[in-house]
PDB file of N, CA and C in Angstrom:
ATOM      1  N   MET A   1     -25.331 101.581 174.231  1.00  0.00           N
ATOM      2  CA  MET A   1     -26.317 100.523 174.322  1.00  0.00           C
ATOM      3  C   MET A   1     -27.457 100.974 175.271  1.00  0.00           C
ATOM      4  N   ALA A   2     -28.680 100.707 174.852  1.00  0.00           N
ATOM      5  CA  ALA A   2     -29.860 101.100 175.657  1.00  0.00           C
ATOM      6  C   ALA A   2     -30.271  99.949 176.536  1.00  0.00           C
ATOM      7  N   LEU A   3     -30.809 100.287 177.704  1.00  0.00           N
ATOM      8  CA  LEU A   3     -31.360  99.316 178.626  1.00  0.00           C
ATOM      9  C   LEU A   3     -32.893  99.474 178.607  1.00  0.00           C
ATOM     10  N   LEU A   4     -33.572  98.366 178.266  1.00  0.00           N
ATOM     11  CA  LEU A   4     -35.026  98.406 178.198  1.00  0.00           C
ATOM     12  C   LEU A   4     -35.650  97.588 179.267  1.00  0.00           C
ATOM     13  N   LYS A   5     -36.865  98.004 179.659  1.00  0.00           N
ATOM     14  CA  LYS A   5     -37.631  97.221 180.667  1.00  0.00           C
ATOM     15  C   LYS A   5     -38.984  96.919 180.030  1.00  0.00           C
ATOM     16  N   VAL A   6     -39.565  95.817 180.426  1.00  0.00           N
ATOM     17  CA  VAL A   6     -40.860  95.383 179.911  1.00  0.00           C
ATOM     18  C   VAL A   6     -41.851  95.262 181.061  1.00  0.00           C
ATOM     19  N   ILE A   7     -43.038  95.885 180.896  1.00  0.00           N
ATOM     20  CA  ILE A   7     -44.094  95.758 181.856  1.00  0.00           C
ATOM     21  C   ILE A   7     -45.304  95.130 181.133  1.00  0.00           C
ATOM     22  N   GLU A   8     -46.186  94.537 181.895  1.00  0.00           N
ATOM     23  CA  GLU A   8     -47.368  93.896 181.343  1.00  0.00           C
ATOM     24  C   GLU A   8     -48.610  94.597 181.862  1.00  0.00           C
ATOM     25  N   ILE A   9     -49.486  94.943 180.924  1.00  0.00           N
ATOM     26  CA  ILE A   9     -50.700  95.674 181.256  1.00  0.00           C
ATOM     27  C   ILE A   9     -51.909  94.969 180.618  1.00  0.00           C
ATOM     28  N   MET A  10     -52.972  94.876 181.399  1.00  0.00           N
ATOM     29  CA  MET A  10     -54.211  94.361 180.890  1.00  0.00           C
ATOM     30  C   MET A  10     -55.178  95.562 180.689  1.00  0.00           C
ATOM     31  N   ALA A  11     -55.841  95.600 179.542  1.00  0.00           N
ATOM     32  CA  ALA A  11     -56.753  96.702 179.279  1.00  0.00           C
ATOM     33  C   ALA A  11     -58.001  96.127 178.525  1.00  0.00           C
ATOM     34  N   SER A  12     -59.057  96.952 178.510  1.00  0.00           N
ATOM     35  CA  SER A  12     -60.264  96.496 177.861  1.00  0.00           C
ATOM     36  C   SER A  12     -60.941  97.686 177.152  1.00  0.00           C
ATOM     37  N   SER A  13     -61.842  97.331 176.248  1.00  0.00           N
ATOM     38  CA  SER A  13     -62.613  98.318 175.499  1.00  0.00           C
ATOM     39  C   SER A  13     -63.916  97.694 175.079  1.00  0.00           C
ATOM     40  N   GLU A  14     -64.930  98.534 174.916  1.00  0.00           N
ATOM     41  CA  GLU A  14     -66.236  98.035 174.388  1.00  0.00           C
ATOM     42  C   GLU A  14     -66.241  98.069 172.880  1.00  0.00           C
ATOM     43  N   LYS A  15     -65.241  98.723 172.239  1.00  0.00           N
ATOM     44  CA  LYS A  15     -65.183  98.898 170.779  1.00  0.00           C
ATOM     45  C   LYS A  15     -64.449  97.783 170.068  1.00  0.00           C
ATOM     46  N   SER A  16     -63.155  97.573 170.445  1.00  0.00           N
ATOM     47  CA  SER A  16     -62.334  96.641 169.688  1.00  0.00           C
ATOM     48  C   SER A  16     -61.050  96.299 170.437  1.00  0.00           C
ATOM     49  N   TRP A  17     -60.349  95.258 169.932  1.00  0.00           N
ATOM     50  CA  TRP A  17     -59.071  94.911 170.515  1.00  0.00           C
ATOM     51  C   TRP A  17     -58.043  96.001 170.288  1.00  0.00           C
ATOM     52  N   GLU A  18     -58.128  96.639 169.123  1.00  0.00           N
ATOM     53  CA  GLU A  18     -57.205  97.737 168.815  1.00  0.00           C
ATOM     54  C   GLU A  18     -57.394  98.900 169.779  1.00  0.00           C
ATOM     55  N   ASP A  19     -58.609  99.200 170.097  1.00  0.00           N
ATOM     56  CA  ASP A  19     -58.907 100.284 171.048  1.00  0.00           C
ATOM     57  C   ASP A  19     -58.415  99.907 172.437  1.00  0.00           C
ATOM     58  N   ALA A  20     -58.526  98.644 172.785  1.00  0.00           N
ATOM     59  CA  ALA A  20     -58.035  98.179 174.091  1.00  0.00           C
ATOM     60  C   ALA A  20     -56.514  98.305 174.152  1.00  0.00           C
ATOM     61  N   ALA A  21     -55.821  97.997 173.043  1.00  0.00           N
ATOM     62  CA  ALA A  21     -54.363  98.137 173.010  1.00  0.00           C
ATOM     63  C   ALA A  21     -53.951  99.587 173.139  1.00  0.00           C
ATOM     64  N   ARG A  22     -54.684 100.461 172.463  1.00  0.00           N
ATOM     65  CA  ARG A  22     -54.407 101.921 172.586  1.00  0.00           C
ATOM     66  C   ARG A  22     -54.595 102.387 174.024  1.00  0.00           C
ATOM     67  N   ALA A  23     -55.631 101.869 174.664  1.00  0.00           N
ATOM     68  CA  ALA A  23     -55.896 102.222 176.076  1.00  0.00           C
ATOM     69  C   ALA A  23     -54.747 101.756 176.985  1.00  0.00           C
ATOM     70  N   ALA A  24     -54.171 100.594 176.689  1.00  0.00           N
ATOM     71  CA  ALA A  24     -53.058 100.092 177.485  1.00  0.00           C
ATOM     72  C   ALA A  24     -51.847 101.035 177.385  1.00  0.00           C
ATOM     73  N   VAL A  25     -51.550 101.446 176.156  1.00  0.00           N
ATOM     74  CA  VAL A  25     -50.399 102.338 175.920  1.00  0.00           C
ATOM     75  C   VAL A  25     -50.644 103.691 176.532  1.00  0.00           C
ATOM     76  N   LYS A  26     -51.898 104.200 176.411  1.00  0.00           N
ATOM     77  CA  LYS A  26     -52.202 105.499 176.959  1.00  0.00           C
ATOM     78  C   LYS A  26     -52.097 105.486 178.485  1.00  0.00           C
ATOM     79  N   THR A  27     -52.541 104.391 179.111  1.00  0.00           N
ATOM     80  CA  THR A  27     -52.456 104.266 180.565  1.00  0.00           C
ATOM     81  C   THR A  27     -50.996 104.199 181.012  1.00  0.00           C
ATOM     82  N   ALA A  28     -50.212 103.395 180.310  1.00  0.00           N
ATOM     83  CA  ALA A  28     -48.778 103.275 180.653  1.00  0.00           C
ATOM     84  C   ALA A  28     -48.064 104.588 180.513  1.00  0.00           C
ATOM     85  N   ALA A  29     -48.432 105.368 179.480  1.00  0.00           N
ATOM     86  CA  ALA A  29     -47.728 106.637 179.203  1.00  0.00           C
ATOM     87  C   ALA A  29     -47.930 107.681 180.306  1.00  0.00           C
ATOM     88  N   LYS A  30     -48.907 107.477 181.149  1.00  0.00           N
ATOM     89  CA  LYS A  30     -49.130 108.407 182.250  1.00  0.00           C
ATOM     90  C   LYS A  30     -48.002 108.381 183.249  1.00  0.00           C
ATOM     91  N   THR A  31     -47.330 107.221 183.389  1.00  0.00           N
ATOM     92  CA  THR A  31     -46.283 107.105 184.388  1.00  0.00           C
ATOM     93  C   THR A  31     -44.944 106.612 183.801  1.00  0.00           C
ATOM     94  N   VAL A  32     -44.926 106.193 182.548  1.00  0.00           N
ATOM     95  CA  VAL A  32     -43.729 105.634 181.887  1.00  0.00           C
ATOM     96  C   VAL A  32     -43.342 106.537 180.725  1.00  0.00           C
ATOM     97  N   LYS A  33     -42.071 106.871 180.677  1.00  0.00           N
ATOM     98  CA  LYS A  33     -41.546 107.659 179.561  1.00  0.00           C
ATOM     99  C   LYS A  33     -40.684 106.809 178.665  1.00  0.00           C
ATOM    100  N   GLY A  34     -40.560 107.181 177.392  1.00  0.00           N
ATOM    101  CA  GLY A  34     -39.723 106.452 176.476  1.00  0.00           C
ATOM    102  C   GLY A  34     -40.279 105.117 176.024  1.00  0.00           C
ATOM    103  N   ILE A  35     -41.572 105.010 175.861  1.00  0.00           N
ATOM    104  CA  ILE A  35     -42.147 103.744 175.370  1.00  0.00           C
ATOM    105  C   ILE A  35     -41.673 103.495 173.958  1.00  0.00           C
ATOM    106  N   ARG A  36     -41.177 102.275 173.728  1.00  0.00           N
ATOM    107  CA  ARG A  36     -40.641 101.908 172.434  1.00  0.00           C
ATOM    108  C   ARG A  36     -41.533 101.001 171.643  1.00  0.00           C
ATOM    109  N   SER A  37     -42.215 100.040 172.328  1.00  0.00           N
ATOM    110  CA  SER A  37     -43.066  99.115 171.610  1.00  0.00           C
ATOM    111  C   SER A  37     -44.163  98.565 172.492  1.00  0.00           C
ATOM    112  N   ALA A  38     -45.194  98.044 171.838  1.00  0.00           N
ATOM    113  CA  ALA A  38     -46.269  97.383 172.541  1.00  0.00           C
ATOM    114  C   ALA A  38     -46.550  96.064 171.811  1.00  0.00           C
ATOM    115  N   TYR A  39     -46.467  94.951 172.546  1.00  0.00           N
ATOM    116  CA  TYR A  39     -46.716  93.640 171.964  1.00  0.00           C
ATOM    117  C   TYR A  39     -47.948  93.051 172.583  1.00  0.00           C
ATOM    118  N   VAL A  40     -48.978  92.832 171.780  1.00  0.00           N
ATOM    119  CA  VAL A  40     -50.241  92.243 172.248  1.00  0.00           C
ATOM    120  C   VAL A  40     -49.993  90.755 172.390  1.00  0.00           C
ATOM    121  N   GLN A  41     -49.953  90.298 173.620  1.00  0.00           N
ATOM    122  CA  GLN A  41     -49.651  88.882 173.923  1.00  0.00           C
ATOM    123  C   GLN A  41     -50.931  88.033 173.816  1.00  0.00           C
ATOM    124  N   ASP A  42     -52.028  88.495 174.403  1.00  0.00           N
ATOM    125  CA  ASP A  42     -53.274  87.717 174.440  1.00  0.00           C
ATOM    126  C   ASP A  42     -54.425  88.647 174.167  1.00  0.00           C
ATOM    127  N   MET A  43     -55.442  88.043 173.553  1.00  0.00           N
ATOM    128  CA  MET A  43     -56.733  88.748 173.348  1.00  0.00           C
ATOM    129  C   MET A  43     -57.848  87.858 173.837  1.00  0.00           C
ATOM    130  N   SER A  44     -58.857  88.444 174.409  1.00  0.00           N
ATOM    131  CA  SER A  44     -60.016  87.687 174.805  1.00  0.00           C
ATOM    132  C   SER A  44     -61.243  88.592 174.756  1.00  0.00           C
ATOM    133  N   ALA A  45     -62.429  88.042 174.898  1.00  0.00           N
ATOM    134  CA  ALA A  45     -63.652  88.832 174.839  1.00  0.00           C
ATOM    135  C   ALA A  45     -64.655  88.300 175.849  1.00  0.00           C
ATOM    136  N   VAL A  46     -65.479  89.215 176.351  1.00  0.00           N
ATOM    137  CA  VAL A  46     -66.555  88.867 177.246  1.00  0.00           C
ATOM    138  C   VAL A  46     -67.792  88.761 176.374  1.00  0.00           C
ATOM    139  N   VAL A  47     -68.529  87.638 176.499  1.00  0.00           N
ATOM    140  CA  VAL A  47     -69.739  87.427 175.723  1.00  0.00           C
ATOM    141  C   VAL A  47     -70.965  87.357 176.622  1.00  0.00           C
ATOM    142  N   LYS A  48     -71.990  88.124 176.285  1.00  0.00           N
ATOM    143  CA  LYS A  48     -73.254  88.103 177.008  1.00  0.00           C
ATOM    144  C   LYS A  48     -74.390  88.058 175.971  1.00  0.00           C
ATOM    145  N   ASP A  49     -75.316  87.124 176.145  1.00  0.00           N
ATOM    146  CA  ASP A  49     -76.443  86.986 175.259  1.00  0.00           C
ATOM    147  C   ASP A  49     -75.977  86.883 173.780  1.00  0.00           C
ATOM    148  N   ASN A  50     -74.944  86.037 173.593  1.00  0.00           N
ATOM    149  CA  ASN A  50     -74.391  85.770 172.251  1.00  0.00           C
ATOM    150  C   ASN A  50     -73.796  86.986 171.530  1.00  0.00           C
ATOM    151  N   ASN A  51     -73.471  88.029 172.288  1.00  0.00           N
ATOM    152  CA  ASN A  51     -72.824  89.204 171.754  1.00  0.00           C
ATOM    153  C   ASN A  51     -71.565  89.543 172.540  1.00  0.00           C
ATOM    154  N   ILE A  52     -70.543  90.004 171.796  1.00  0.00           N
ATOM    155  CA  ILE A  52     -69.317  90.441 172.489  1.00  0.00           C
ATOM    156  C   ILE A  52     -69.623  91.824 173.136  1.00  0.00           C
ATOM    157  N   THR A  53     -69.370  91.883 174.445  1.00  0.00           N
ATOM    158  CA  THR A  53     -69.646  93.137 175.167  1.00  0.00           C
ATOM    159  C   THR A  53     -68.367  93.862 175.600  1.00  0.00           C
ATOM    160  N   GLU A  54     -67.255  93.136 175.573  1.00  0.00           N
ATOM    161  CA  GLU A  54     -65.974  93.726 176.002  1.00  0.00           C
ATOM    162  C   GLU A  54     -64.846  92.986 175.350  1.00  0.00           C
ATOM    163  N   PHE A  55     -63.884  93.769 174.818  1.00  0.00           N
ATOM    164  CA  PHE A  55     -62.645  93.215 174.265  1.00  0.00           C
ATOM    165  C   PHE A  55     -61.499  93.440 175.228  1.00  0.00           C
ATOM    166  N   ARG A  56     -60.729  92.390 175.485  1.00  0.00           N
ATOM    167  CA  ARG A  56     -59.632  92.517 176.451  1.00  0.00           C
ATOM    168  C   ARG A  56     -58.323  92.110 175.807  1.00  0.00           C
ATOM    169  N   VAL A  57     -57.241  92.820 176.206  1.00  0.00           N
ATOM    170  CA  VAL A  57     -55.886  92.520 175.715  1.00  0.00           C
ATOM    171  C   VAL A  57     -54.928  92.497 176.856  1.00  0.00           C
ATOM    172  N   ASN A  58     -53.889  91.658 176.727  1.00  0.00           N
ATOM    173  CA  ASN A  58     -52.760  91.632 177.653  1.00  0.00           C
ATOM    174  C   ASN A  58     -51.570  92.120 176.811  1.00  0.00           C
ATOM    175  N   VAL A  59     -51.031  93.284 177.168  1.00  0.00           N
ATOM    176  CA  VAL A  59     -50.004  93.954 176.348  1.00  0.00           C
ATOM    177  C   VAL A  59     -48.695  94.029 177.133  1.00  0.00           C
ATOM    178  N   LYS A  60     -47.597  93.661 176.433  1.00  0.00           N
ATOM    179  CA  LYS A  60     -46.245  93.865 176.986  1.00  0.00           C
ATOM    180  C   LYS A  60     -45.702  95.170 176.375  1.00  0.00           C
ATOM    181  N   ILE A  61     -45.357  96.076 177.237  1.00  0.00           N
ATOM    182  CA  ILE A  61     -44.865  97.399 176.807  1.00  0.00           C
ATOM    183  C   ILE A  61     -43.412  97.522 177.173  1.00  0.00           C
ATOM    184  N   SER A  62     -42.557  97.823 176.190  1.00  0.00           N
ATOM    185  CA  SER A  62     -41.166  98.018 176.473  1.00  0.00           C
ATOM    186  C   SER A  62     -40.828  99.528 176.452  1.00  0.00           C
ATOM    187  N   PHE A  63     -39.931  99.940 177.360  1.00  0.00           N
ATOM    188  CA  PHE A  63     -39.512 101.313 177.412  1.00  0.00           C
ATOM    189  C   PHE A  63     -38.062 101.403 177.797  1.00  0.00           C
ATOM    190  N   GLU A  64     -37.469 102.506 177.436  1.00  0.00           N
ATOM    191  CA  GLU A  64     -36.013 102.726 177.698  1.00  0.00           C
ATOM    192  C   GLU A  64     -35.851 103.207 179.135  1.00  0.00           C
ATOM    193  N   VAL A  65     -34.958 102.498 179.853  1.00  0.00           N
ATOM    194  CA  VAL A  65     -34.643 102.893 181.245  1.00  0.00           C
ATOM    195  C   VAL A  65     -33.373 103.747 181.231  1.00  0.00           C
ATOM    196  N   MET A  66     -32.411 103.364 180.436  1.00  0.00           N
ATOM    197  CA  MET A  66     -31.111 104.046 180.414  1.00  0.00           C
ATOM    198  C   MET A  66     -30.515 103.954 179.056  1.00  0.00           C
ATOM    199  N   ASN A  67     -29.842 104.991 178.588  1.00  0.00           N
ATOM    200  CA  ASN A  67     -29.195 104.947 177.291  1.00  0.00           C
ATOM    201  C   ASN A  67     -27.728 104.921 177.437  1.00  0.00           C
TER     202      ASN A  67
END
């Protein structure tokens, strides 16, 4: 039986929500090994002058702690 842990990361991108989610996983992977899944919990955007300037995501990342 595997033991998993979940961390929450907020990330942003000027391109898209998908790119922001990729940035969250890439950031987590710098210090976390064995990432199993990424669940996008929330999405939001910053709007300036009627244009979206930044996409933001709140991602829950699960990884294996012990097998």
